[in-house]
């Protein structure tokens, strides 16, 4: 993420990716957002 302003959207999207997409890719350990305050 380039800015803190997008953190909420990214967090929502990451949860959707984990629920809807990640089960299709069993060799991927996790999906995370690199959230920061800058």
ModelCIF file with pLDDT and N, C-alpha, C, O atoms, coordinates in Angstrom:
data_MODEL
#
_entry.id   MODEL 
#
_entity.id                         1 
_entity.type                       polymer 
_entity.pdbx_number_of_molecules   1 
#
_entity_poly.entity_id                      1 
_entity_poly.type                           'polypeptide(L)' 
_entity_poly.nstd_linkage                   no 
_entity_poly.nstd_monomer                   no 
_entity_poly.pdbx_seq_one_letter_code       
;(UNK)(UNK)(UNK)(UNK)(UNK)(UNK)(UNK)(UNK)(UNK)(UNK)(UNK)(UNK)(UNK)(UNK)(UNK)(UNK)
(UNK)(UNK)(UNK)(UNK)(UNK)(UNK)(UNK)(UNK)(UNK)(UNK)(UNK)(UNK)(UNK)(UNK)(UNK)(UNK)
(UNK)(UNK)(UNK)(UNK)(UNK)(UNK)
;
_entity_poly.pdbx_seq_one_letter_code_can   XXXXXXXXXXXXXXXXXXXXXXXXXXXXXXXXXXXXXX 
_entity_poly.pdbx_strand_id                 A 
#
loop_
_entity_poly_seq.entity_id 
_entity_poly_seq.num 
_entity_poly_seq.mon_id 
_entity_poly_seq.hetero 
1 1  UNK n 
1 2  UNK n 
1 3  UNK n 
1 4  UNK n 
1 5  UNK n 
1 6  UNK n 
1 7  UNK n 
1 8  UNK n 
1 9  UNK n 
1 10 UNK n 
1 11 UNK n 
1 12 UNK n 
1 13 UNK n 
1 14 UNK n 
1 15 UNK n 
1 16 UNK n 
1 17 UNK n 
1 18 UNK n 
1 19 UNK n 
1 20 UNK n 
1 21 UNK n 
1 22 UNK n 
1 23 UNK n 
1 24 UNK n 
1 25 UNK n 
1 26 UNK n 
1 27 UNK n 
1 28 UNK n 
1 29 UNK n 
1 30 UNK n 
1 31 UNK n 
1 32 UNK n 
1 33 UNK n 
1 34 UNK n 
1 35 UNK n 
1 36 UNK n 
1 37 UNK n 
1 38 UNK n 
#
_struct_asym.id          A 
_struct_asym.entity_id   1 
#
loop_
_ma_qa_metric.id 
_ma_qa_metric.mode 
_ma_qa_metric.name 
_ma_qa_metric.software_group_id 
_ma_qa_metric.type 
1 global pLDDT . pLDDT 
2 local  pLDDT . pLDDT 
#
_ma_qa_metric_global.metric_id      1 
_ma_qa_metric_global.metric_value   97.45 
_ma_qa_metric_global.model_id       1 
_ma_qa_metric_global.ordinal_id     1 
#
loop_
_ma_qa_metric_local.label_asym_id 
_ma_qa_metric_local.label_comp_id 
_ma_qa_metric_local.label_seq_id 
_ma_qa_metric_local.metric_id 
_ma_qa_metric_local.metric_value 
_ma_qa_metric_local.model_id 
_ma_qa_metric_local.ordinal_id 
A UNK 1  2 98.00 1 1  
A UNK 2  2 98.00 1 2  
A UNK 3  2 97.00 1 3  
A UNK 4  2 96.00 1 4  
A UNK 5  2 97.00 1 5  
A UNK 6  2 98.00 1 6  
A UNK 7  2 97.00 1 7  
A UNK 8  2 97.00 1 8  
A UNK 9  2 98.00 1 9  
A UNK 10 2 98.00 1 10 
A UNK 11 2 98.00 1 11 
A UNK 12 2 98.00 1 12 
A UNK 13 2 98.00 1 13 
A UNK 14 2 98.00 1 14 
A UNK 15 2 98.00 1 15 
A UNK 16 2 98.00 1 16 
A UNK 17 2 98.00 1 17 
A UNK 18 2 98.00 1 18 
A UNK 19 2 98.00 1 19 
A UNK 20 2 98.00 1 20 
A UNK 21 2 98.00 1 21 
A UNK 22 2 98.00 1 22 
A UNK 23 2 98.00 1 23 
A UNK 24 2 98.00 1 24 
A UNK 25 2 98.00 1 25 
A UNK 26 2 98.00 1 26 
A UNK 27 2 98.00 1 27 
A UNK 28 2 98.00 1 28 
A UNK 29 2 98.00 1 29 
A UNK 30 2 98.00 1 30 
A UNK 31 2 98.00 1 31 
A UNK 32 2 98.00 1 32 
A UNK 33 2 98.00 1 33 
A UNK 34 2 97.00 1 34 
A UNK 35 2 95.00 1 35 
A UNK 36 2 95.00 1 36 
A UNK 37 2 93.00 1 37 
A UNK 38 2 95.00 1 38 
#
loop_
_atom_site.group_PDB 
_atom_site.id 
_atom_site.type_symbol 
_atom_site.label_atom_id 
_atom_site.label_alt_id 
_atom_site.label_comp_id 
_atom_site.label_asym_id 
_atom_site.label_entity_id 
_atom_site.label_seq_id 
_atom_site.pdbx_PDB_ins_code 
_atom_site.Cartn_x 
_atom_site.Cartn_y 
_atom_site.Cartn_z 
_atom_site.occupancy 
_atom_site.B_iso_or_equiv 
_atom_site.pdbx_formal_charge 
_atom_site.auth_seq_id 
_atom_site.auth_comp_id 
_atom_site.auth_asym_id 
_atom_site.auth_atom_id 
_atom_site.pdbx_PDB_model_num 
ATOM 1   N N  . UNK A 1 1  ? 0.848   -1.188  0.000  1.00 98.00 ? 1  UNK A N  1 
ATOM 2   C CA . UNK A 1 1  ? 0.000   0.000   0.000  1.00 98.00 ? 1  UNK A CA 1 
ATOM 3   C C  . UNK A 1 1  ? 0.886   1.241   0.000  1.00 98.00 ? 1  UNK A C  1 
ATOM 4   O O  . UNK A 1 1  ? 1.929   1.265   0.652  1.00 98.00 ? 1  UNK A O  1 
ATOM 5   N N  . UNK A 1 2  ? 0.472   2.259   -0.725 1.00 98.00 ? 2  UNK A N  1 
ATOM 6   C CA . UNK A 1 2  ? 1.259   3.490   -0.790 1.00 98.00 ? 2  UNK A CA 1 
ATOM 7   C C  . UNK A 1 2  ? 0.900   4.479   0.292  1.00 98.00 ? 2  UNK A C  1 
ATOM 8   O O  . UNK A 1 2  ? 1.659   5.411   0.555  1.00 98.00 ? 2  UNK A O  1 
ATOM 9   N N  . UNK A 1 3  ? -0.262  4.292   0.935  1.00 97.00 ? 3  UNK A N  1 
ATOM 10  C CA . UNK A 1 3  ? -0.738  5.288   1.888  1.00 97.00 ? 3  UNK A CA 1 
ATOM 11  C C  . UNK A 1 3  ? -1.736  4.646   2.837  1.00 97.00 ? 3  UNK A C  1 
ATOM 12  O O  . UNK A 1 3  ? -2.446  3.715   2.459  1.00 97.00 ? 3  UNK A O  1 
ATOM 13  N N  . UNK A 1 4  ? -1.792  5.134   4.057  1.00 96.00 ? 4  UNK A N  1 
ATOM 14  C CA . UNK A 1 4  ? -2.698  4.590   5.059  1.00 96.00 ? 4  UNK A CA 1 
ATOM 15  C C  . UNK A 1 4  ? -4.158  4.664   4.639  1.00 96.00 ? 4  UNK A C  1 
ATOM 16  O O  . UNK A 1 4  ? -4.968  3.851   5.084  1.00 96.00 ? 4  UNK A O  1 
ATOM 17  N N  . UNK A 1 5  ? -4.508  5.624   3.790  1.00 97.00 ? 5  UNK A N  1 
ATOM 18  C CA . UNK A 1 5  ? -5.901  5.829   3.394  1.00 97.00 ? 5  UNK A CA 1 
ATOM 19  C C  . UNK A 1 5  ? -6.551  4.583   2.792  1.00 97.00 ? 5  UNK A C  1 
ATOM 20  O O  . UNK A 1 5  ? -7.769  4.426   2.871  1.00 97.00 ? 5  UNK A O  1 
ATOM 21  N N  . UNK A 1 6  ? -5.754  3.698   2.194  1.00 98.00 ? 6  UNK A N  1 
ATOM 22  C CA . UNK A 1 6  ? -6.325  2.532   1.511  1.00 98.00 ? 6  UNK A CA 1 
ATOM 23  C C  . UNK A 1 6  ? -6.390  1.311   2.421  1.00 98.00 ? 6  UNK A C  1 
ATOM 24  O O  . UNK A 1 6  ? -6.837  0.250   1.985  1.00 98.00 ? 6  UNK A O  1 
ATOM 25  N N  . UNK A 1 7  ? -5.956  1.433   3.673  1.00 97.00 ? 7  UNK A N  1 
ATOM 26  C CA . UNK A 1 7  ? -5.823  0.268   4.547  1.00 97.00 ? 7  UNK A CA 1 
ATOM 27  C C  . UNK A 1 7  ? -7.136  -0.482  4.734  1.00 97.00 ? 7  UNK A C  1 
ATOM 28  O O  . UNK A 1 7  ? -7.157  -1.712  4.704  1.00 97.00 ? 7  UNK A O  1 
ATOM 29  N N  . UNK A 1 8  ? -8.236  0.254   4.929  1.00 97.00 ? 8  UNK A N  1 
ATOM 30  C CA . UNK A 1 8  ? -9.526  -0.413  5.141  1.00 97.00 ? 8  UNK A CA 1 
ATOM 31  C C  . UNK A 1 8  ? -9.970  -1.205  3.934  1.00 97.00 ? 8  UNK A C  1 
ATOM 32  O O  . UNK A 1 8  ? -10.467 -2.323  4.070  1.00 97.00 ? 8  UNK A O  1 
ATOM 33  N N  . UNK A 1 9  ? -9.795  -0.632  2.745  1.00 98.00 ? 9  UNK A N  1 
ATOM 34  C CA . UNK A 1 9  ? -10.168 -1.335  1.521  1.00 98.00 ? 9  UNK A CA 1 
ATOM 35  C C  . UNK A 1 9  ? -9.316  -2.584  1.340  1.00 98.00 ? 9  UNK A C  1 
ATOM 36  O O  . UNK A 1 9  ? -9.833  -3.652  1.011  1.00 98.00 ? 9  UNK A O  1 
ATOM 37  N N  . UNK A 1 10 ? -8.020  -2.450  1.552  1.00 98.00 ? 10 UNK A N  1 
ATOM 38  C CA . UNK A 1 10 ? -7.130  -3.594  1.388  1.00 98.00 ? 10 UNK A CA 1 
ATOM 39  C C  . UNK A 1 10 ? -7.463  -4.692  2.387  1.00 98.00 ? 10 UNK A C  1 
ATOM 40  O O  . UNK A 1 10 ? -7.458  -5.870  2.032  1.00 98.00 ? 10 UNK A O  1 
ATOM 41  N N  . UNK A 1 11 ? -7.754  -4.325  3.633  1.00 98.00 ? 11 UNK A N  1 
ATOM 42  C CA . UNK A 1 11 ? -8.103  -5.330  4.631  1.00 98.00 ? 11 UNK A CA 1 
ATOM 43  C C  . UNK A 1 11 ? -9.365  -6.092  4.214  1.00 98.00 ? 11 UNK A C  1 
ATOM 44  O O  . UNK A 1 11 ? -9.427  -7.315  4.341  1.00 98.00 ? 11 UNK A O  1 
ATOM 45  N N  . UNK A 1 12 ? -10.364 -5.367  3.718  1.00 98.00 ? 12 UNK A N  1 
ATOM 46  C CA . UNK A 1 12 ? -11.599 -6.015  3.250  1.00 98.00 ? 12 UNK A CA 1 
ATOM 47  C C  . UNK A 1 12 ? -11.289 -6.945  2.084  1.00 98.00 ? 12 UNK A C  1 
ATOM 48  O O  . UNK A 1 12 ? -11.784 -8.071  2.034  1.00 98.00 ? 12 UNK A O  1 
ATOM 49  N N  . UNK A 1 13 ? -10.465 -6.470  1.140  1.00 98.00 ? 13 UNK A N  1 
ATOM 50  C CA . UNK A 1 13 ? -10.133 -7.272  -0.033 1.00 98.00 ? 13 UNK A CA 1 
ATOM 51  C C  . UNK A 1 13 ? -9.342  -8.522  0.350  1.00 98.00 ? 13 UNK A C  1 
ATOM 52  O O  . UNK A 1 13 ? -9.569  -9.597  -0.206 1.00 98.00 ? 13 UNK A O  1 
ATOM 53  N N  . UNK A 1 14 ? -8.415  -8.381  1.298  1.00 98.00 ? 14 UNK A N  1 
ATOM 54  C CA . UNK A 1 14 ? -7.618  -9.526  1.729  1.00 98.00 ? 14 UNK A CA 1 
ATOM 55  C C  . UNK A 1 14 ? -8.518  -10.610 2.312  1.00 98.00 ? 14 UNK A C  1 
ATOM 56  O O  . UNK A 1 14 ? -8.317  -11.794 2.041  1.00 98.00 ? 14 UNK A O  1 
ATOM 57  N N  . UNK A 1 15 ? -9.504  -10.215 3.106  1.00 98.00 ? 15 UNK A N  1 
ATOM 58  C CA . UNK A 1 15 ? -10.426 -11.218 3.665  1.00 98.00 ? 15 UNK A CA 1 
ATOM 59  C C  . UNK A 1 15 ? -11.204 -11.915 2.562  1.00 98.00 ? 15 UNK A C  1 
ATOM 60  O O  . UNK A 1 15 ? -11.426 -13.123 2.634  1.00 98.00 ? 15 UNK A O  1 
ATOM 61  N N  . UNK A 1 16 ? -11.623 -11.173 1.542  1.00 98.00 ? 16 UNK A N  1 
ATOM 62  C CA . UNK A 1 16 ? -12.328 -11.774 0.403  1.00 98.00 ? 16 UNK A CA 1 
ATOM 63  C C  . UNK A 1 16 ? -11.405 -12.734 -0.351 1.00 98.00 ? 16 UNK A C  1 
ATOM 64  O O  . UNK A 1 16 ? -11.825 -13.823 -0.743 1.00 98.00 ? 16 UNK A O  1 
ATOM 65  N N  . UNK A 1 17 ? -10.161 -12.335 -0.551 1.00 98.00 ? 17 UNK A N  1 
ATOM 66  C CA . UNK A 1 17 ? -9.217  -13.205 -1.256 1.00 98.00 ? 17 UNK A CA 1 
ATOM 67  C C  . UNK A 1 17 ? -9.034  -14.511 -0.487 1.00 98.00 ? 17 UNK A C  1 
ATOM 68  O O  . UNK A 1 17 ? -9.018  -15.591 -1.078 1.00 98.00 ? 17 UNK A O  1 
ATOM 69  N N  . UNK A 1 18 ? -8.898  -14.406 0.826  1.00 98.00 ? 18 UNK A N  1 
ATOM 70  C CA . UNK A 1 18 ? -8.728  -15.613 1.637  1.00 98.00 ? 18 UNK A CA 1 
ATOM 71  C C  . UNK A 1 18 ? -9.942  -16.523 1.560  1.00 98.00 ? 18 UNK A C  1 
ATOM 72  O O  . UNK A 1 18 ? -9.813  -17.746 1.515  1.00 98.00 ? 18 UNK A O  1 
ATOM 73  N N  . UNK A 1 19 ? -11.123 -15.916 1.545  1.00 98.00 ? 19 UNK A N  1 
ATOM 74  C CA . UNK A 1 19 ? -12.354 -16.716 1.519  1.00 98.00 ? 19 UNK A CA 1 
ATOM 75  C C  . UNK A 1 19 ? -12.647 -17.284 0.134  1.00 98.00 ? 19 UNK A C  1 
ATOM 76  O O  . UNK A 1 19 ? -13.033 -18.446 0.008  1.00 98.00 ? 19 UNK A O  1 
ATOM 77  N N  . UNK A 1 20 ? -12.467 -16.475 -0.899 1.00 98.00 ? 20 UNK A N  1 
ATOM 78  C CA . UNK A 1 20 ? -12.937 -16.850 -2.230 1.00 98.00 ? 20 UNK A CA 1 
ATOM 79  C C  . UNK A 1 20 ? -11.851 -17.409 -3.141 1.00 98.00 ? 20 UNK A C  1 
ATOM 80  O O  . UNK A 1 20 ? -12.128 -18.286 -3.961 1.00 98.00 ? 20 UNK A O  1 
ATOM 81  N N  . UNK A 1 21 ? -10.625 -16.920 -3.013 1.00 98.00 ? 21 UNK A N  1 
ATOM 82  C CA . UNK A 1 21 ? -9.580  -17.315 -3.956 1.00 98.00 ? 21 UNK A CA 1 
ATOM 83  C C  . UNK A 1 21 ? -8.559  -18.281 -3.372 1.00 98.00 ? 21 UNK A C  1 
ATOM 84  O O  . UNK A 1 21 ? -8.171  -19.239 -4.040 1.00 98.00 ? 21 UNK A O  1 
ATOM 85  N N  . UNK A 1 22 ? -8.126  -18.054 -2.166 1.00 98.00 ? 22 UNK A N  1 
ATOM 86  C CA . UNK A 1 22 ? -7.020  -18.821 -1.610 1.00 98.00 ? 22 UNK A CA 1 
ATOM 87  C C  . UNK A 1 22 ? -7.256  -20.332 -1.615 1.00 98.00 ? 22 UNK A C  1 
ATOM 88  O O  . UNK A 1 22 ? -6.304  -21.082 -1.830 1.00 98.00 ? 22 UNK A O  1 
ATOM 89  N N  . UNK A 1 23 ? -8.493  -20.816 -1.385 1.00 98.00 ? 23 UNK A N  1 
ATOM 90  C CA . UNK A 1 23 ? -8.700  -22.270 -1.437 1.00 98.00 ? 23 UNK A CA 1 
ATOM 91  C C  . UNK A 1 23 ? -8.320  -22.899 -2.779 1.00 98.00 ? 23 UNK A C  1 
ATOM 92  O O  . UNK A 1 23 ? -8.057  -24.100 -2.842 1.00 98.00 ? 23 UNK A O  1 
ATOM 93  N N  . UNK A 1 24 ? -8.288  -22.108 -3.842 1.00 98.00 ? 24 UNK A N  1 
ATOM 94  C CA . UNK A 1 24 ? -7.917  -22.638 -5.163 1.00 98.00 ? 24 UNK A CA 1 
ATOM 95  C C  . UNK A 1 24 ? -6.406  -22.783 -5.310 1.00 98.00 ? 24 UNK A C  1 
ATOM 96  O O  . UNK A 1 24 ? -5.929  -23.432 -6.242 1.00 98.00 ? 24 UNK A O  1 
ATOM 97  N N  . UNK A 1 25 ? -5.657  -22.184 -4.397 1.00 98.00 ? 25 UNK A N  1 
ATOM 98  C CA . UNK A 1 25 ? -4.203  -22.147 -4.522 1.00 98.00 ? 25 UNK A CA 1 
ATOM 99  C C  . UNK A 1 25 ? -3.564  -22.709 -3.251 1.00 98.00 ? 25 UNK A C  1 
ATOM 100 O O  . UNK A 1 25 ? -3.051  -21.954 -2.425 1.00 98.00 ? 25 UNK A O  1 
ATOM 101 N N  . UNK A 1 26 ? -3.595  -24.028 -3.099 1.00 98.00 ? 26 UNK A N  1 
ATOM 102 C CA . UNK A 1 26 ? -3.178  -24.647 -1.832 1.00 98.00 ? 26 UNK A CA 1 
ATOM 103 C C  . UNK A 1 26 ? -1.702  -24.471 -1.497 1.00 98.00 ? 26 UNK A C  1 
ATOM 104 O O  . UNK A 1 26 ? -1.313  -24.670 -0.346 1.00 98.00 ? 26 UNK A O  1 
ATOM 105 N N  . UNK A 1 27 ? -0.876  -24.107 -2.461 1.00 98.00 ? 27 UNK A N  1 
ATOM 106 C CA . UNK A 1 27 ? 0.549   -23.939 -2.190 1.00 98.00 ? 27 UNK A CA 1 
ATOM 107 C C  . UNK A 1 27 ? 0.905   -22.522 -1.735 1.00 98.00 ? 27 UNK A C  1 
ATOM 108 O O  . UNK A 1 27 ? 2.064   -22.234 -1.438 1.00 98.00 ? 27 UNK A O  1 
ATOM 109 N N  . UNK A 1 28 ? -0.096  -21.641 -1.684 1.00 98.00 ? 28 UNK A N  1 
ATOM 110 C CA . UNK A 1 28 ? 0.124   -20.276 -1.191 1.00 98.00 ? 28 UNK A CA 1 
ATOM 111 C C  . UNK A 1 28 ? -0.223  -20.254 0.294  1.00 98.00 ? 28 UNK A C  1 
ATOM 112 O O  . UNK A 1 28 ? -1.328  -20.627 0.687  1.00 98.00 ? 28 UNK A O  1 
ATOM 113 N N  . UNK A 1 29 ? 0.724   -19.817 1.107  1.00 98.00 ? 29 UNK A N  1 
ATOM 114 C CA . UNK A 1 29 ? 0.544   -19.871 2.561  1.00 98.00 ? 29 UNK A CA 1 
ATOM 115 C C  . UNK A 1 29 ? -0.419  -18.828 3.094  1.00 98.00 ? 29 UNK A C  1 
ATOM 116 O O  . UNK A 1 29 ? -1.165  -19.097 4.035  1.00 98.00 ? 29 UNK A O  1 
ATOM 117 N N  . UNK A 1 30 ? -0.413  -17.624 2.497  1.00 98.00 ? 30 UNK A N  1 
ATOM 118 C CA . UNK A 1 30 ? -1.226  -16.557 3.070  1.00 98.00 ? 30 UNK A CA 1 
ATOM 119 C C  . UNK A 1 30 ? -1.288  -15.391 2.088  1.00 98.00 ? 30 UNK A C  1 
ATOM 120 O O  . UNK A 1 30 ? -0.518  -15.315 1.131  1.00 98.00 ? 30 UNK A O  1 
ATOM 121 N N  . UNK A 1 31 ? -2.218  -14.497 2.352  1.00 98.00 ? 31 UNK A N  1 
ATOM 122 C CA . UNK A 1 31 ? -2.323  -13.222 1.647  1.00 98.00 ? 31 UNK A CA 1 
ATOM 123 C C  . UNK A 1 31 ? -2.370  -12.142 2.719  1.00 98.00 ? 31 UNK A C  1 
ATOM 124 O O  . UNK A 1 31 ? -3.159  -12.237 3.659  1.00 98.00 ? 31 UNK A O  1 
ATOM 125 N N  . UNK A 1 32 ? -1.533  -11.117 2.588  1.00 98.00 ? 32 UNK A N  1 
ATOM 126 C CA . UNK A 1 32 ? -1.475  -10.075 3.607  1.00 98.00 ? 32 UNK A CA 1 
ATOM 127 C C  . UNK A 1 32 ? -1.420  -8.705  2.953  1.00 98.00 ? 32 UNK A C  1 
ATOM 128 O O  . UNK A 1 32 ? -0.982  -8.569  1.811  1.00 98.00 ? 32 UNK A O  1 
ATOM 129 N N  . UNK A 1 33 ? -1.866  -7.697  3.680  1.00 98.00 ? 33 UNK A N  1 
ATOM 130 C CA . UNK A 1 33 ? -1.712  -6.318  3.263  1.00 98.00 ? 33 UNK A CA 1 
ATOM 131 C C  . UNK A 1 33 ? -0.584  -5.669  4.037  1.00 98.00 ? 33 UNK A C  1 
ATOM 132 O O  . UNK A 1 33 ? -0.517  -5.797  5.260  1.00 98.00 ? 33 UNK A O  1 
ATOM 133 N N  . UNK A 1 34 ? 0.306   -4.971  3.341  1.00 97.00 ? 34 UNK A N  1 
ATOM 134 C CA . UNK A 1 34 ? 1.414   -4.275  4.004  1.00 97.00 ? 34 UNK A CA 1 
ATOM 135 C C  . UNK A 1 34 ? 0.924   -2.894  4.428  1.00 97.00 ? 34 UNK A C  1 
ATOM 136 O O  . UNK A 1 34 ? 1.213   -1.884  3.788  1.00 97.00 ? 34 UNK A O  1 
ATOM 137 N N  . UNK A 1 35 ? 0.177   -2.886  5.522  1.00 95.00 ? 35 UNK A N  1 
ATOM 138 C CA . UNK A 1 35 ? -0.418  -1.650  6.028  1.00 95.00 ? 35 UNK A CA 1 
ATOM 139 C C  . UNK A 1 35 ? 0.616   -0.855  6.820  1.00 95.00 ? 35 UNK A C  1 
ATOM 140 O O  . UNK A 1 35 ? 1.439   -1.437  7.527  1.00 95.00 ? 35 UNK A O  1 
ATOM 141 N N  . UNK A 1 36 ? 0.577   0.459   6.705  1.00 95.00 ? 36 UNK A N  1 
ATOM 142 C CA . UNK A 1 36 ? 1.481   1.349   7.433  1.00 95.00 ? 36 UNK A CA 1 
ATOM 143 C C  . UNK A 1 36 ? 0.811   2.709   7.558  1.00 95.00 ? 36 UNK A C  1 
ATOM 144 O O  . UNK A 1 36 ? -0.276  2.915   7.018  1.00 95.00 ? 36 UNK A O  1 
ATOM 145 N N  . UNK A 1 37 ? 1.441   3.629   8.258  1.00 93.00 ? 37 UNK A N  1 
ATOM 146 C CA . UNK A 1 37 ? 0.833   4.941   8.509  1.00 93.00 ? 37 UNK A CA 1 
ATOM 147 C C  . UNK A 1 37 ? 1.474   6.050   7.698  1.00 93.00 ? 37 UNK A C  1 
ATOM 148 O O  . UNK A 1 37 ? 1.258   7.227   7.984  1.00 93.00 ? 37 UNK A O  1 
ATOM 149 N N  . UNK A 1 38 ? 2.261   5.693   6.689  1.00 95.00 ? 38 UNK A N  1 
ATOM 150 C CA . UNK A 1 38 ? 3.010   6.681   5.915  1.00 95.00 ? 38 UNK A CA 1 
ATOM 151 C C  . UNK A 1 38 ? 2.267   6.991   4.604  1.00 95.00 ? 38 UNK A C  1 
ATOM 152 O O  . UNK A 1 38 ? 2.734   7.804   3.807  1.00 95.00 ? 38 UNK A O  1 
#
